Protein backbone atom coordinates (compact mmCIF):
# COMPACT_ATOMS: atom_id res chain seq x y z
CA MET A 1 98.35 143.57 147.42
CA THR A 2 97.62 146.74 145.27
CA GLY A 3 96.09 146.96 142.02
CA GLY A 4 99.22 148.06 140.34
CA GLU A 5 101.17 144.97 141.81
CA ALA A 6 98.33 142.63 140.68
CA VAL A 7 98.94 143.86 137.11
CA SER A 8 102.65 143.63 137.29
CA TYR A 9 102.13 139.85 138.42
CA SER A 10 99.94 139.14 135.33
CA LEU A 11 102.35 140.59 132.99
CA SER A 12 105.32 138.77 134.54
CA MET A 13 103.56 135.23 133.92
CA ALA A 14 102.70 136.12 130.24
CA ASP A 15 106.32 137.65 129.69
CA PRO A 16 108.34 134.37 129.27
CA GLN A 17 108.86 133.15 125.62
CA PRO A 18 107.18 129.82 124.71
CA SER A 19 110.74 128.62 124.19
CA ASP A 20 111.56 128.95 127.76
CA ARG A 21 108.84 126.69 128.73
CA GLY A 22 109.92 123.77 126.41
CA ILE A 23 107.42 124.85 123.63
CA VAL A 24 108.41 125.84 120.36
CA PRO A 25 106.11 128.14 118.30
CA ALA A 26 104.38 126.73 115.13
CA SER A 27 106.75 129.20 113.18
CA ASP A 28 109.89 127.62 114.50
CA ALA A 29 108.76 124.02 113.58
CA GLY A 30 111.95 123.40 111.78
CA ALA A 31 114.08 124.68 114.54
CA PRO A 32 116.78 122.42 115.89
CA GLY A 33 115.69 120.03 118.60
CA MET A 34 112.15 119.49 117.07
CA PRO A 35 111.14 116.57 114.57
CA ASP A 36 111.39 118.07 110.92
CA VAL A 37 108.34 117.07 109.10
CA PRO A 38 108.67 118.17 105.40
CA GLY A 39 105.57 119.79 104.08
CA ALA A 40 103.73 119.35 107.12
CA ALA A 41 101.79 122.82 106.48
CA ASP A 42 100.56 121.39 103.07
CA ALA A 43 99.88 117.76 104.48
CA PRO A 44 96.59 116.40 103.46
CA SER A 45 93.90 116.17 106.11
CA GLY A 46 91.30 113.29 106.78
CA PRO A 47 92.01 109.72 106.38
CA ASN A 48 94.70 109.89 103.64
CA ALA A 49 96.97 111.78 106.31
CA LEU A 50 97.13 108.81 108.39
CA ARG A 51 100.21 106.79 108.71
CA ALA A 52 100.76 103.77 106.76
CA SER A 53 101.62 100.32 107.87
CA HIS A 54 104.02 97.67 106.61
CA ALA A 55 100.81 95.79 105.31
CA ASP A 56 99.76 98.74 103.51
CA ARG A 57 103.18 99.33 101.81
CA ASP A 58 103.39 95.53 100.92
CA LEU A 59 99.96 95.65 99.27
CA VAL A 60 100.90 98.86 97.19
CA ALA A 61 104.14 97.09 96.23
CA GLU A 62 102.09 94.05 95.07
CA GLN A 63 99.79 96.14 93.05
CA LEU A 64 102.83 97.67 91.38
CA ARG A 65 104.42 94.20 90.59
CA VAL A 66 101.16 93.14 89.02
CA ALA A 67 101.10 96.38 86.89
CA ALA A 68 104.63 95.77 85.61
CA GLY A 69 103.85 92.12 84.93
CA ASP A 70 100.74 93.39 82.88
CA GLY A 71 103.06 95.74 80.94
CA ARG A 72 101.67 98.89 82.38
CA LEU A 73 104.78 99.77 84.00
CA SER A 74 108.50 99.37 82.63
CA ALA A 75 111.18 97.74 84.73
CA GLU A 76 112.67 101.42 85.65
CA GLU A 77 109.37 102.81 86.65
CA LEU A 78 108.85 99.68 88.77
CA ASP A 79 112.07 100.03 90.68
CA GLU A 80 111.29 103.73 91.30
CA ARG A 81 107.81 103.21 92.44
CA LEU A 82 108.95 100.17 94.69
CA GLU A 83 111.50 102.38 96.45
CA LEU A 84 108.98 105.17 97.14
CA ALA A 85 106.43 102.61 98.42
CA LEU A 86 108.78 101.16 100.83
CA THR A 87 109.67 104.35 102.35
CA ALA A 88 106.16 106.06 102.00
CA ARG A 89 104.73 107.43 105.52
CA THR A 90 101.17 108.31 104.69
CA TYR A 91 98.19 106.87 102.68
CA ALA A 92 98.26 110.01 100.40
CA GLU A 93 101.92 109.02 99.28
CA LEU A 94 101.03 105.41 98.58
CA ALA A 95 97.64 106.45 96.57
CA THR A 96 99.87 108.73 94.39
CA LEU A 97 101.88 105.64 93.36
CA VAL A 98 99.01 103.59 92.05
CA ALA A 99 96.65 106.58 91.00
CA ASP A 100 97.33 105.94 87.13
CA LEU A 101 96.67 102.15 87.34
CA PRO A 102 93.34 100.27 86.72
CA GLY A 103 91.23 99.80 89.79
CA ALA A 104 93.36 102.13 92.06
CA GLY A 105 91.99 104.88 94.19
CA THR A 106 92.79 108.39 93.61
CA ALA A 107 94.89 110.39 95.97
CA GLY A 108 91.71 111.59 97.97
CA THR A 109 90.26 108.10 98.12
CA LEU A 110 91.78 105.15 100.18
CA GLY A 111 89.91 102.42 98.49
CA SER A 112 92.23 99.35 98.58
CA LEU A 113 94.78 101.09 100.51
CA SER A 114 92.70 100.79 103.49
CA PRO A 115 94.00 98.30 106.24
CA VAL A 116 90.47 96.98 106.37
CA ALA A 117 90.67 95.88 102.45
CA ALA A 118 94.43 94.50 103.08
CA PRO A 119 94.29 90.80 102.41
CA SER A 120 95.00 88.30 105.24
CA ALA A 121 98.34 86.64 105.62
CA PRO A 122 99.05 83.76 103.55
CA LYS A 123 98.64 80.30 104.76
CA ASP A 124 101.75 78.07 105.23
CA LEU A 125 100.13 75.11 103.53
CA ILE A 126 96.96 74.39 101.42
CA ARG A 127 96.17 70.79 100.49
CA LEU A 128 93.88 69.95 97.67
CA HIS A 129 93.09 66.41 97.08
CA CYS A 130 90.76 65.50 93.96
CA SER A 131 89.87 61.88 93.11
CA SER A 132 87.12 62.17 90.15
CA GLY A 133 85.91 65.90 90.73
CA GLN A 134 87.46 69.26 90.14
CA ALA A 135 89.29 71.79 92.51
CA GLU A 136 89.97 75.24 91.79
CA ARG A 137 91.32 78.66 92.73
CA ARG A 138 90.33 81.44 90.88
CA GLY A 139 89.98 85.22 91.36
CA ARG A 140 91.44 87.24 94.11
CA TRP A 141 92.86 84.36 96.29
CA VAL A 142 95.91 84.45 98.53
CA VAL A 143 99.00 82.30 97.45
CA PRO A 144 100.29 80.24 100.38
CA ASN A 145 103.84 79.39 100.97
CA ARG A 146 103.27 75.66 100.01
CA MET A 147 100.66 73.55 98.37
CA ASP A 148 100.02 69.82 98.30
CA LEU A 149 98.31 68.78 95.29
CA LYS A 150 96.90 65.09 94.63
CA VAL A 151 94.88 63.99 91.76
CA SER A 152 93.64 60.65 90.74
CA SER A 153 91.38 61.08 87.78
CA GLY A 154 89.95 64.63 88.58
CA HIS A 155 91.22 68.15 87.70
CA ILE A 156 92.98 70.89 89.72
CA THR A 157 93.10 74.50 88.39
CA LEU A 158 95.12 77.32 89.96
CA ASP A 159 94.41 80.58 88.12
CA PHE A 160 97.16 83.09 89.28
CA THR A 161 96.24 85.98 87.04
CA GLU A 162 94.22 87.88 89.72
CA ALA A 163 95.77 85.99 92.76
CA VAL A 164 97.25 88.07 95.76
CA ILE A 165 100.93 87.28 95.76
CA MET A 166 102.51 88.12 98.97
CA GLN A 167 105.77 86.20 98.88
CA ARG A 168 108.43 85.55 96.09
CA THR A 169 108.19 81.77 96.07
CA LEU A 170 105.51 79.05 96.10
CA HIS A 171 106.55 75.21 96.51
CA ILE A 172 103.95 72.78 95.14
CA ASP A 173 104.14 69.07 95.91
CA ALA A 174 102.26 67.19 92.89
CA ASP A 175 101.07 63.70 92.95
CA VAL A 176 99.15 63.18 89.60
CA ARG A 177 97.89 59.62 88.61
CA SER A 178 95.31 60.02 85.65
CA GLY A 179 94.01 63.51 86.18
CA HIS A 180 95.62 66.82 85.41
CA ILE A 181 96.69 69.90 87.20
CA THR A 182 96.76 73.34 85.33
CA LEU A 183 98.48 76.50 86.43
CA ILE A 184 97.37 79.67 84.61
CA THR A 185 99.86 82.19 84.68
CA LYS A 186 100.84 85.66 83.51
CA PRO A 187 103.94 87.77 82.97
CA GLY A 188 106.20 87.65 85.87
CA ILE A 189 105.29 84.07 87.13
CA VAL A 190 107.94 81.42 86.54
CA VAL A 191 107.33 77.83 86.74
CA ASP A 192 110.24 75.27 87.30
CA ALA A 193 108.83 71.74 86.79
CA ASP A 194 112.22 69.95 86.54
CA ASP A 195 111.83 68.06 89.72
CA VAL A 196 108.74 66.34 88.50
CA THR A 197 109.26 62.50 87.71
CA VAL A 198 107.16 61.55 84.52
CA ARG A 199 106.07 58.07 83.60
CA SER A 200 103.36 58.04 80.86
CA GLY A 201 101.98 61.45 81.14
CA HIS A 202 103.72 64.84 80.26
CA VAL A 203 104.62 68.25 81.95
CA LYS A 204 104.31 71.16 79.78
CA VAL A 205 105.40 75.06 80.73
CA ARG A 206 104.42 77.79 78.26
CA ALA A 207 105.88 81.35 78.99
CA PRO A 208 105.38 83.25 75.82
CA TRP A 209 106.22 86.44 77.21
CA GLY A 210 109.88 85.52 77.30
CA THR A 211 112.31 86.18 80.27
CA ASN A 212 112.55 90.01 80.26
CA VAL A 213 109.91 90.42 82.63
CA PRO A 214 110.32 91.40 86.24
CA GLU A 215 109.71 88.23 88.16
CA LEU A 216 106.72 88.38 90.58
CA LEU A 217 106.70 84.79 91.86
CA ARG A 218 108.58 81.67 91.33
CA ILE A 219 106.75 78.44 91.36
CA ASP A 220 108.70 75.28 92.04
CA VAL A 221 106.83 71.91 91.33
CA ALA A 222 108.18 68.69 92.47
CA GLY A 223 106.57 65.21 92.69
CA LYS A 224 105.34 62.72 90.29
CA CYS A 225 103.07 62.59 87.04
CA GLY A 226 101.78 59.07 86.06
CA SER A 227 99.54 58.93 83.26
CA GLY A 228 98.00 62.45 83.70
CA HIS A 229 99.62 65.83 82.92
CA ILE A 230 100.78 69.11 84.64
CA THR A 231 100.53 72.14 82.53
CA ALA A 232 101.63 75.81 83.00
CA ARG A 233 100.05 78.21 80.51
CA PRO A 234 98.72 81.87 79.86
CA PRO A 235 94.79 82.31 80.15
CA ARG A 236 93.06 81.46 76.82
CA ARG A 237 91.12 83.48 74.79
CA SER A 238 87.03 83.14 75.22
CA PHE A 239 84.95 82.31 72.12
CA TRP A 240 84.23 85.73 71.34
CA GLN A 241 87.68 87.04 71.61
CA TRP A 242 88.78 84.23 69.16
CA LEU A 243 85.83 85.23 66.88
CA ARG A 244 86.93 88.98 66.86
CA ARG A 245 90.46 87.49 66.10
CA ALA A 246 91.61 89.47 69.36
CA PRO A 247 95.25 89.05 70.24
CA ARG A 248 96.16 86.22 72.77
CA PRO A 249 96.38 87.50 76.27
CA TYR A 250 100.14 88.03 77.15
CA ALA A 251 101.23 86.64 73.80
CA ILE A 252 103.81 89.74 73.54
CA ALA A 253 106.38 90.10 75.82
CA ALA A 254 105.92 92.97 78.25
């Protein structure tokens, strides 16, 4: 083989266009037959460019519902952002939806959007039986599907103001003898206690924010109340808030 033939052979190998070998150049990324990735050239790099999971989308959707319940988002804004959250593809898109909310990371920080920080799946049933002591759930606890509450002469407190709500309903089976059950609620949490049989005690549900608030969680309470009581109410003011005449929490409809 001569030198000229070798050169001719090298040129012939480099000659075919990339498309002839099933490869589309980067400049033709939007050509037919290839996945269309809008904004791929400007997509963020790093962890925020990772694809989000269903759990990540649900976590952001819950954060948006809580913000709406706190009065930070209107009903229209909530609907718009929820639609975007459910169709978001990356962490960056999700972070944009909560960047202006308290406790949310910026578009450059995953923060609570990281799968590691996602709460565990809710339990199907939680049992709290209290004789003469006290049982409570406060802070960031995951609301289960059902709860079985029995009180003899003690006290059970369920604070939903910071709870992680991952489903729309909670069923509570209550058996109160001489103690009491207190549910601390916030806008968007609806308590229905019509199925409770009352003897000498009482059942009281307070929702001063009205009914024009997006529903986050519906709590259905059933069972019986002897000489104790079952109460659902907003959080109370602290002593210093009362002293400064601070407005009552959630007293105004969102």
